[in-house]
Amino acid sequence: MPLRTIGKLLAATELKALAAKTRRLRELQTLYFGSAPRELACLSRVKNLQAGTLLISADNAAVAAKLRQLAPTLLASLRKSEAEVTGIRIEVQVSGARAERRERPRPKALSIDAVEKFDELAKSMEDGTLKLALQGLVRRRRREGSV
């Protein structure tokens, strides 16, 4: 069998079709990431588009359940940019040991003023779980150096 050059391989019809499909899925993933809530989008991905149905793969059952609840809203949002999408199907695809772990979004830093106001609010409240939660928030933010 003769050796082919890389240029000839890349020009092959099969590879062109695969590259086009990959590019299309990347575009759909970008649209999906812009439509879905960030926390859910980070834990799911577009897997395929077949006969107008967008197949989304979720990392776990909880993410899949929430995405199923949001499916009508997601579909409406996606259809604004992509009329070809007529439905959404969500499935769970748990991967054992992931080579890459997606980072959790870091909480936004609070201003010094905001932390002080939370501290004042906690001091003005009666003892209870809300007061303890506010005190914990203030303590963590001061320790983390947000203040």
N, C-alpha and C. Protein backbone atom coordinates (compact mmCIF):
# COMPACT_ATOMS: atom_id res chain seq x y z
N MET A 1 0.85 -1.17 0.00
CA MET A 1 0.00 0.00 0.00
C MET A 1 0.89 1.23 0.00
N PRO A 2 0.67 2.14 -0.94
CA PRO A 2 1.53 3.33 -1.02
C PRO A 2 1.25 4.28 0.13
N LEU A 3 2.31 4.96 0.54
CA LEU A 3 2.16 5.95 1.60
C LEU A 3 1.53 7.22 1.03
N ARG A 4 0.61 7.80 1.79
CA ARG A 4 -0.02 9.04 1.34
C ARG A 4 0.55 10.21 2.13
N THR A 5 0.52 11.33 1.53
CA THR A 5 0.97 12.52 2.25
C THR A 5 -0.16 12.99 3.15
N ILE A 6 0.19 13.74 4.16
CA ILE A 6 -0.82 14.25 5.09
C ILE A 6 -1.82 15.13 4.36
N GLY A 7 -1.37 15.90 3.41
CA GLY A 7 -2.27 16.76 2.63
C GLY A 7 -3.33 15.95 1.91
N LYS A 8 -2.94 14.81 1.34
CA LYS A 8 -3.91 13.97 0.64
C LYS A 8 -4.89 13.34 1.63
N LEU A 9 -4.38 12.94 2.79
CA LEU A 9 -5.26 12.37 3.81
C LEU A 9 -6.29 13.40 4.28
N LEU A 10 -5.82 14.62 4.50
CA LEU A 10 -6.74 15.65 4.97
C LEU A 10 -7.75 16.05 3.91
N ALA A 11 -7.40 15.83 2.66
CA ALA A 11 -8.32 16.16 1.56
C ALA A 11 -9.31 15.03 1.29
N ALA A 12 -9.13 13.90 1.94
CA ALA A 12 -10.02 12.76 1.71
C ALA A 12 -11.45 13.13 2.10
N THR A 13 -12.39 12.61 1.35
CA THR A 13 -13.80 12.92 1.54
C THR A 13 -14.27 12.58 2.95
N GLU A 14 -13.85 11.43 3.48
CA GLU A 14 -14.28 11.01 4.80
C GLU A 14 -13.81 11.99 5.88
N LEU A 15 -12.57 12.44 5.75
CA LEU A 15 -12.05 13.38 6.74
C LEU A 15 -12.71 14.75 6.62
N LYS A 16 -13.05 15.16 5.41
CA LYS A 16 -13.75 16.43 5.23
C LYS A 16 -15.11 16.38 5.91
N ALA A 17 -15.81 15.27 5.74
CA ALA A 17 -17.13 15.12 6.36
C ALA A 17 -17.00 15.11 7.89
N LEU A 18 -15.99 14.41 8.38
CA LEU A 18 -15.77 14.36 9.83
C LEU A 18 -15.41 15.74 10.38
N ALA A 19 -14.58 16.47 9.67
CA ALA A 19 -14.20 17.82 10.11
C ALA A 19 -15.41 18.74 10.11
N ALA A 20 -16.27 18.63 9.11
CA ALA A 20 -17.48 19.46 9.06
C ALA A 20 -18.42 19.13 10.21
N LYS A 21 -18.58 17.85 10.52
CA LYS A 21 -19.45 17.46 11.63
C LYS A 21 -18.87 17.94 12.96
N THR A 22 -17.57 17.82 13.12
CA THR A 22 -16.91 18.29 14.34
C THR A 22 -17.09 19.79 14.51
N ARG A 23 -16.93 20.53 13.44
CA ARG A 23 -17.11 21.99 13.48
C ARG A 23 -18.55 22.33 13.85
N ARG A 24 -19.50 21.60 13.28
CA ARG A 24 -20.92 21.82 13.56
C ARG A 24 -21.24 21.56 15.03
N LEU A 25 -20.72 20.46 15.57
CA LEU A 25 -20.96 20.14 16.98
C LEU A 25 -20.32 21.19 17.90
N ARG A 26 -19.16 21.70 17.51
CA ARG A 26 -18.51 22.75 18.30
C ARG A 26 -19.36 24.02 18.31
N GLU A 27 -19.95 24.36 17.16
CA GLU A 27 -20.85 25.53 17.10
C GLU A 27 -22.07 25.33 17.99
N LEU A 28 -22.65 24.13 17.94
CA LEU A 28 -23.82 23.83 18.77
C LEU A 28 -23.47 23.86 20.25
N GLN A 29 -22.26 23.37 20.59
CA GLN A 29 -21.82 23.39 21.98
C GLN A 29 -21.70 24.83 22.46
N THR A 30 -21.18 25.70 21.63
CA THR A 30 -21.05 27.12 21.99
C THR A 30 -22.42 27.74 22.20
N LEU A 31 -23.36 27.46 21.31
CA LEU A 31 -24.73 27.96 21.48
C LEU A 31 -25.36 27.43 22.76
N TYR A 32 -25.17 26.13 23.01
CA TYR A 32 -25.72 25.50 24.22
C TYR A 32 -25.12 26.13 25.47
N PHE A 33 -23.82 26.34 25.47
CA PHE A 33 -23.16 26.92 26.63
C PHE A 33 -23.70 28.33 26.91
N GLY A 34 -24.06 29.06 25.87
CA GLY A 34 -24.62 30.39 26.05
C GLY A 34 -26.08 30.37 26.48
N SER A 35 -26.77 29.27 26.26
CA SER A 35 -28.20 29.18 26.60
C SER A 35 -28.46 28.55 27.96
N ALA A 36 -27.65 27.59 28.35
CA ALA A 36 -27.88 26.86 29.60
C ALA A 36 -27.23 27.61 30.77
N PRO A 37 -27.74 27.42 31.98
CA PRO A 37 -27.07 27.99 33.15
C PRO A 37 -25.63 27.47 33.22
N ARG A 38 -24.73 28.34 33.59
CA ARG A 38 -23.29 28.02 33.56
C ARG A 38 -22.95 26.75 34.33
N GLU A 39 -23.52 26.59 35.53
CA GLU A 39 -23.20 25.43 36.36
C GLU A 39 -23.62 24.13 35.67
N LEU A 40 -24.76 24.16 34.99
CA LEU A 40 -25.23 22.97 34.29
C LEU A 40 -24.48 22.76 32.98
N ALA A 41 -24.17 23.82 32.30
CA ALA A 41 -23.45 23.71 31.03
C ALA A 41 -22.05 23.13 31.25
N CYS A 42 -21.45 23.43 32.39
CA CYS A 42 -20.12 22.89 32.69
C CYS A 42 -20.16 21.39 32.99
N LEU A 43 -21.34 20.89 33.33
CA LEU A 43 -21.48 19.48 33.68
C LEU A 43 -22.22 18.69 32.60
N SER A 44 -22.28 19.24 31.40
CA SER A 44 -22.95 18.56 30.30
C SER A 44 -22.34 19.03 28.98
N ARG A 45 -22.68 18.32 27.91
CA ARG A 45 -22.12 18.70 26.62
C ARG A 45 -23.04 18.22 25.50
N VAL A 46 -22.95 18.87 24.36
CA VAL A 46 -23.69 18.46 23.17
C VAL A 46 -23.01 17.22 22.61
N LYS A 47 -23.82 16.22 22.39
CA LYS A 47 -23.27 14.96 21.89
C LYS A 47 -23.54 14.77 20.40
N ASN A 48 -24.75 15.18 19.95
CA ASN A 48 -25.09 14.96 18.55
C ASN A 48 -26.32 15.79 18.18
N LEU A 49 -26.53 15.97 16.92
CA LEU A 49 -27.75 16.57 16.38
C LEU A 49 -28.22 15.63 15.28
N GLN A 50 -29.39 15.01 15.53
CA GLN A 50 -29.87 14.03 14.57
C GLN A 50 -31.37 14.25 14.34
N ALA A 51 -31.75 14.46 13.11
CA ALA A 51 -33.14 14.69 12.72
C ALA A 51 -33.77 15.81 13.54
N GLY A 52 -33.01 16.87 13.79
CA GLY A 52 -33.52 18.03 14.50
C GLY A 52 -33.49 17.92 16.01
N THR A 53 -33.14 16.76 16.55
CA THR A 53 -33.09 16.56 18.00
C THR A 53 -31.66 16.71 18.49
N LEU A 54 -31.47 17.64 19.42
CA LEU A 54 -30.16 17.88 20.00
C LEU A 54 -29.99 16.93 21.18
N LEU A 55 -28.98 16.09 21.12
CA LEU A 55 -28.70 15.13 22.19
C LEU A 55 -27.66 15.75 23.12
N ILE A 56 -28.04 15.89 24.39
CA ILE A 56 -27.15 16.46 25.39
C ILE A 56 -26.81 15.37 26.40
N SER A 57 -25.55 15.25 26.70
CA SER A 57 -25.06 14.25 27.64
C SER A 57 -24.72 14.95 28.96
N ALA A 58 -25.33 14.49 30.05
CA ALA A 58 -25.09 15.07 31.37
C ALA A 58 -24.18 14.16 32.18
N ASP A 59 -23.39 14.76 33.07
CA ASP A 59 -22.43 13.99 33.87
C ASP A 59 -23.09 13.14 34.96
N ASN A 60 -24.27 13.55 35.42
CA ASN A 60 -24.94 12.77 36.46
C ASN A 60 -26.45 12.96 36.37
N ALA A 61 -27.18 12.16 37.13
CA ALA A 61 -28.65 12.17 37.06
C ALA A 61 -29.25 13.48 37.54
N ALA A 62 -28.62 14.11 38.53
CA ALA A 62 -29.16 15.38 39.04
C ALA A 62 -29.09 16.47 37.98
N VAL A 63 -27.98 16.54 37.28
CA VAL A 63 -27.83 17.53 36.20
C VAL A 63 -28.83 17.22 35.09
N ALA A 64 -28.97 15.95 34.75
CA ALA A 64 -29.93 15.56 33.70
C ALA A 64 -31.35 15.94 34.09
N ALA A 65 -31.72 15.72 35.35
CA ALA A 65 -33.07 16.06 35.80
C ALA A 65 -33.32 17.57 35.69
N LYS A 66 -32.36 18.36 36.11
CA LYS A 66 -32.52 19.82 36.03
C LYS A 66 -32.59 20.28 34.57
N LEU A 67 -31.77 19.70 33.72
CA LEU A 67 -31.80 20.05 32.30
C LEU A 67 -33.13 19.66 31.67
N ARG A 68 -33.71 18.54 32.09
CA ARG A 68 -35.02 18.14 31.57
C ARG A 68 -36.08 19.16 31.97
N GLN A 69 -35.97 19.69 33.18
CA GLN A 69 -36.91 20.73 33.61
C GLN A 69 -36.77 21.99 32.77
N LEU A 70 -35.53 22.31 32.41
CA LEU A 70 -35.25 23.52 31.65
C LEU A 70 -35.34 23.34 30.14
N ALA A 71 -35.61 22.12 29.69
CA ALA A 71 -35.59 21.82 28.25
C ALA A 71 -36.45 22.76 27.41
N PRO A 72 -37.69 23.08 27.80
CA PRO A 72 -38.48 23.99 26.95
C PRO A 72 -37.83 25.37 26.81
N THR A 73 -37.27 25.88 27.90
CA THR A 73 -36.60 27.18 27.86
C THR A 73 -35.34 27.11 27.02
N LEU A 74 -34.57 26.04 27.19
CA LEU A 74 -33.34 25.87 26.40
C LEU A 74 -33.67 25.76 24.92
N LEU A 75 -34.72 25.00 24.60
CA LEU A 75 -35.10 24.82 23.20
C LEU A 75 -35.49 26.16 22.57
N ALA A 76 -36.27 26.94 23.30
CA ALA A 76 -36.68 28.25 22.77
C ALA A 76 -35.47 29.14 22.54
N SER A 77 -34.54 29.12 23.47
CA SER A 77 -33.33 29.94 23.34
C SER A 77 -32.46 29.47 22.17
N LEU A 78 -32.30 28.17 22.03
CA LEU A 78 -31.47 27.63 20.95
C LEU A 78 -32.10 27.87 19.58
N ARG A 79 -33.42 27.79 19.51
CA ARG A 79 -34.10 27.97 18.22
C ARG A 79 -33.97 29.40 17.68
N LYS A 80 -33.72 30.36 18.57
CA LYS A 80 -33.51 31.73 18.09
C LYS A 80 -32.30 31.82 17.17
N SER A 81 -31.27 31.05 17.48
CA SER A 81 -30.04 31.07 16.69
C SER A 81 -29.95 29.89 15.74
N GLU A 82 -30.65 28.82 16.05
CA GLU A 82 -30.50 27.58 15.30
C GLU A 82 -31.87 26.95 15.06
N ALA A 83 -32.50 27.33 13.96
CA ALA A 83 -33.87 26.87 13.66
C ALA A 83 -33.92 25.37 13.40
N GLU A 84 -32.79 24.78 13.07
CA GLU A 84 -32.75 23.35 12.77
C GLU A 84 -33.05 22.49 14.00
N VAL A 85 -32.81 23.02 15.20
CA VAL A 85 -33.05 22.28 16.43
C VAL A 85 -34.54 22.33 16.75
N THR A 86 -35.18 21.15 16.73
CA THR A 86 -36.62 21.09 16.99
C THR A 86 -36.95 20.37 18.29
N GLY A 87 -35.96 19.75 18.90
CA GLY A 87 -36.19 19.03 20.15
C GLY A 87 -34.88 18.83 20.89
N ILE A 88 -35.00 18.48 22.16
CA ILE A 88 -33.82 18.22 22.99
C ILE A 88 -34.04 16.89 23.70
N ARG A 89 -33.02 16.06 23.68
CA ARG A 89 -33.04 14.81 24.44
C ARG A 89 -31.82 14.82 25.36
N ILE A 90 -32.06 14.50 26.62
CA ILE A 90 -30.98 14.54 27.61
C ILE A 90 -30.75 13.13 28.13
N GLU A 91 -29.50 12.73 28.15
CA GLU A 91 -29.16 11.43 28.71
C GLU A 91 -28.00 11.58 29.68
N VAL A 92 -27.88 10.59 30.55
CA VAL A 92 -26.80 10.60 31.54
C VAL A 92 -25.67 9.74 31.00
N GLN A 93 -24.48 10.28 31.02
CA GLN A 93 -23.31 9.52 30.63
C GLN A 93 -22.23 9.79 31.66
N VAL A 94 -22.18 8.91 32.63
CA VAL A 94 -21.22 9.07 33.71
C VAL A 94 -19.91 8.44 33.26
N SER A 95 -18.85 9.18 33.40
CA SER A 95 -17.55 8.64 33.06
C SER A 95 -16.80 8.39 34.36
N GLY A 96 -16.20 7.22 34.47
CA GLY A 96 -15.52 6.80 35.69
C GLY A 96 -14.44 7.76 36.14
N ALA A 97 -13.25 7.57 35.69
CA ALA A 97 -12.14 8.43 36.06
C ALA A 97 -11.93 9.42 34.92
N ARG A 98 -12.35 10.62 35.13
CA ARG A 98 -12.20 11.65 34.10
C ARG A 98 -10.78 12.16 34.08
N ALA A 99 -10.23 12.23 32.90
CA ALA A 99 -8.88 12.76 32.76
C ALA A 99 -8.86 14.23 33.12
N GLU A 100 -9.92 14.94 32.76
CA GLU A 100 -9.97 16.36 33.07
C GLU A 100 -11.17 16.62 33.97
N ARG A 101 -10.94 17.25 35.04
CA ARG A 101 -12.02 17.62 35.97
C ARG A 101 -12.40 19.05 35.69
N ARG A 102 -13.69 19.28 35.59
CA ARG A 102 -14.15 20.64 35.37
C ARG A 102 -14.16 21.37 36.69
N GLU A 103 -13.62 22.55 36.67
CA GLU A 103 -13.55 23.32 37.91
C GLU A 103 -14.90 23.91 38.25
N ARG A 104 -15.18 23.95 39.54
CA ARG A 104 -16.39 24.61 40.00
C ARG A 104 -16.20 26.11 39.88
N PRO A 105 -17.26 26.80 39.55
CA PRO A 105 -17.13 28.26 39.50
C PRO A 105 -16.81 28.80 40.90
N ARG A 106 -15.85 29.68 40.96
CA ARG A 106 -15.47 30.25 42.25
C ARG A 106 -16.49 31.30 42.65
N PRO A 107 -16.79 31.37 43.95
CA PRO A 107 -17.72 32.42 44.39
C PRO A 107 -17.12 33.80 44.12
N LYS A 108 -17.98 34.72 43.77
CA LYS A 108 -17.51 36.08 43.50
C LYS A 108 -17.08 36.73 44.80
N ALA A 109 -16.04 37.52 44.72
CA ALA A 109 -15.54 38.23 45.89
C ALA A 109 -16.54 39.30 46.32
N LEU A 110 -16.69 39.43 47.62
CA LEU A 110 -17.55 40.48 48.16
C LEU A 110 -16.70 41.68 48.51
N SER A 111 -17.27 42.84 48.36
CA SER A 111 -16.55 44.06 48.73
C SER A 111 -16.47 44.15 50.26
N ILE A 112 -15.55 44.96 50.73
CA ILE A 112 -15.40 45.17 52.17
C ILE A 112 -16.72 45.69 52.75
N ASP A 113 -17.33 46.60 52.03
CA ASP A 113 -18.59 47.19 52.48
C ASP A 113 -19.68 46.12 52.61
N ALA A 114 -19.76 45.22 51.65
CA ALA A 114 -20.78 44.17 51.68
C ALA A 114 -20.57 43.24 52.88
N VAL A 115 -19.32 42.85 53.12
CA VAL A 115 -19.04 41.97 54.25
C VAL A 115 -19.38 42.67 55.57
N GLU A 116 -19.05 43.94 55.68
CA GLU A 116 -19.37 44.70 56.89
C GLU A 116 -20.89 44.79 57.10
N LYS A 117 -21.63 44.98 56.01
CA LYS A 117 -23.10 45.06 56.12
C LYS A 117 -23.67 43.72 56.56
N PHE A 118 -23.12 42.62 56.04
CA PHE A 118 -23.57 41.31 56.50
C PHE A 118 -23.26 41.11 57.98
N ASP A 119 -22.09 41.60 58.41
CA ASP A 119 -21.72 41.51 59.82
C ASP A 119 -22.69 42.31 60.69
N GLU A 120 -23.02 43.52 60.26
CA GLU A 120 -23.98 44.35 61.00
C GLU A 120 -25.35 43.66 61.06
N LEU A 121 -25.77 43.09 59.95
CA LEU A 121 -27.06 42.41 59.91
C LEU A 121 -27.08 41.23 60.88
N ALA A 122 -26.00 40.45 60.89
CA ALA A 122 -25.92 39.30 61.79
C ALA A 122 -25.99 39.75 63.25
N LYS A 123 -25.32 40.85 63.57
CA LYS A 123 -25.33 41.34 64.95
C LYS A 123 -26.71 41.84 65.37
N SER A 124 -27.50 42.31 64.42
CA SER A 124 -28.82 42.85 64.76
C SER A 124 -29.90 41.77 64.84
N MET A 125 -29.58 40.54 64.46
CA MET A 125 -30.58 39.46 64.42
C MET A 125 -30.63 38.68 65.73
N GLU A 126 -31.77 38.04 65.95
CA GLU A 126 -31.90 37.12 67.07
C GLU A 126 -31.13 35.86 66.74
N ASP A 127 -30.74 35.11 67.78
CA ASP A 127 -30.01 33.87 67.56
C ASP A 127 -30.84 32.91 66.72
N GLY A 128 -30.20 32.23 65.81
CA GLY A 128 -30.87 31.28 64.94
C GLY A 128 -29.95 30.82 63.83
N THR A 129 -30.47 29.98 62.97
CA THR A 129 -29.63 29.42 61.91
C THR A 129 -29.22 30.46 60.88
N LEU A 130 -30.09 31.44 60.60
CA LEU A 130 -29.73 32.48 59.64
C LEU A 130 -28.58 33.33 60.18
N LYS A 131 -28.65 33.66 61.47
CA LYS A 131 -27.59 34.45 62.08
C LYS A 131 -26.27 33.69 62.03
N LEU A 132 -26.32 32.38 62.33
CA LEU A 132 -25.10 31.56 62.28
C LEU A 132 -24.54 31.49 60.85
N ALA A 133 -25.43 31.39 59.87
CA ALA A 133 -24.98 31.34 58.48
C ALA A 133 -24.30 32.64 58.08
N LEU A 134 -24.89 33.77 58.46
CA LEU A 134 -24.29 35.07 58.13
C LEU A 134 -22.94 35.24 58.82
N GLN A 135 -22.86 34.83 60.09
CA GLN A 135 -21.59 34.93 60.81
C GLN A 135 -20.52 34.06 60.14
N GLY A 136 -20.92 32.88 59.69
CA GLY A 136 -19.99 32.00 58.99
C GLY A 136 -19.52 32.62 57.68
N LEU A 137 -20.44 33.23 56.95
CA LEU A 137 -20.09 33.91 55.69
C LEU A 137 -19.07 35.01 55.95
N VAL A 138 -19.33 35.83 56.95
CA VAL A 138 -18.42 36.94 57.27
C VAL A 138 -17.05 36.39 57.69
N ARG A 139 -17.05 35.36 58.51
CA ARG A 139 -15.80 34.77 58.99
C ARG A 139 -14.99 34.20 57.81
N ARG A 140 -15.66 33.45 56.91
CA ARG A 140 -14.95 32.89 55.75
C ARG A 140 -14.38 33.96 54.84
N ARG A 141 -15.18 34.97 54.55
CA ARG A 141 -14.73 36.02 53.64
C ARG A 141 -13.56 36.81 54.23
N ARG A 142 -13.58 37.01 55.52
CA ARG A 142 -12.45 37.71 56.15
C ARG A 142 -11.21 36.83 56.12
N ARG A 143 -11.40 35.55 56.37
CA ARG A 143 -10.26 34.62 56.38
C ARG A 143 -9.68 34.46 54.97
N GLU A 144 -10.54 34.43 53.95
CA GLU A 144 -10.09 34.27 52.57
C GLU A 144 -9.41 35.51 52.02
N GLY A 145 -9.60 36.60 52.70
CA GLY A 145 -8.97 37.83 52.25
C GLY A 145 -9.82 38.63 51.29
N SER A 146 -11.14 38.32 51.23
CA SER A 146 -12.02 39.10 50.38
C SER A 146 -12.13 40.53 50.91
N VAL A 147 -11.86 40.64 52.20
CA VAL A 147 -12.00 41.93 52.84
C VAL A 147 -10.66 42.58 52.96
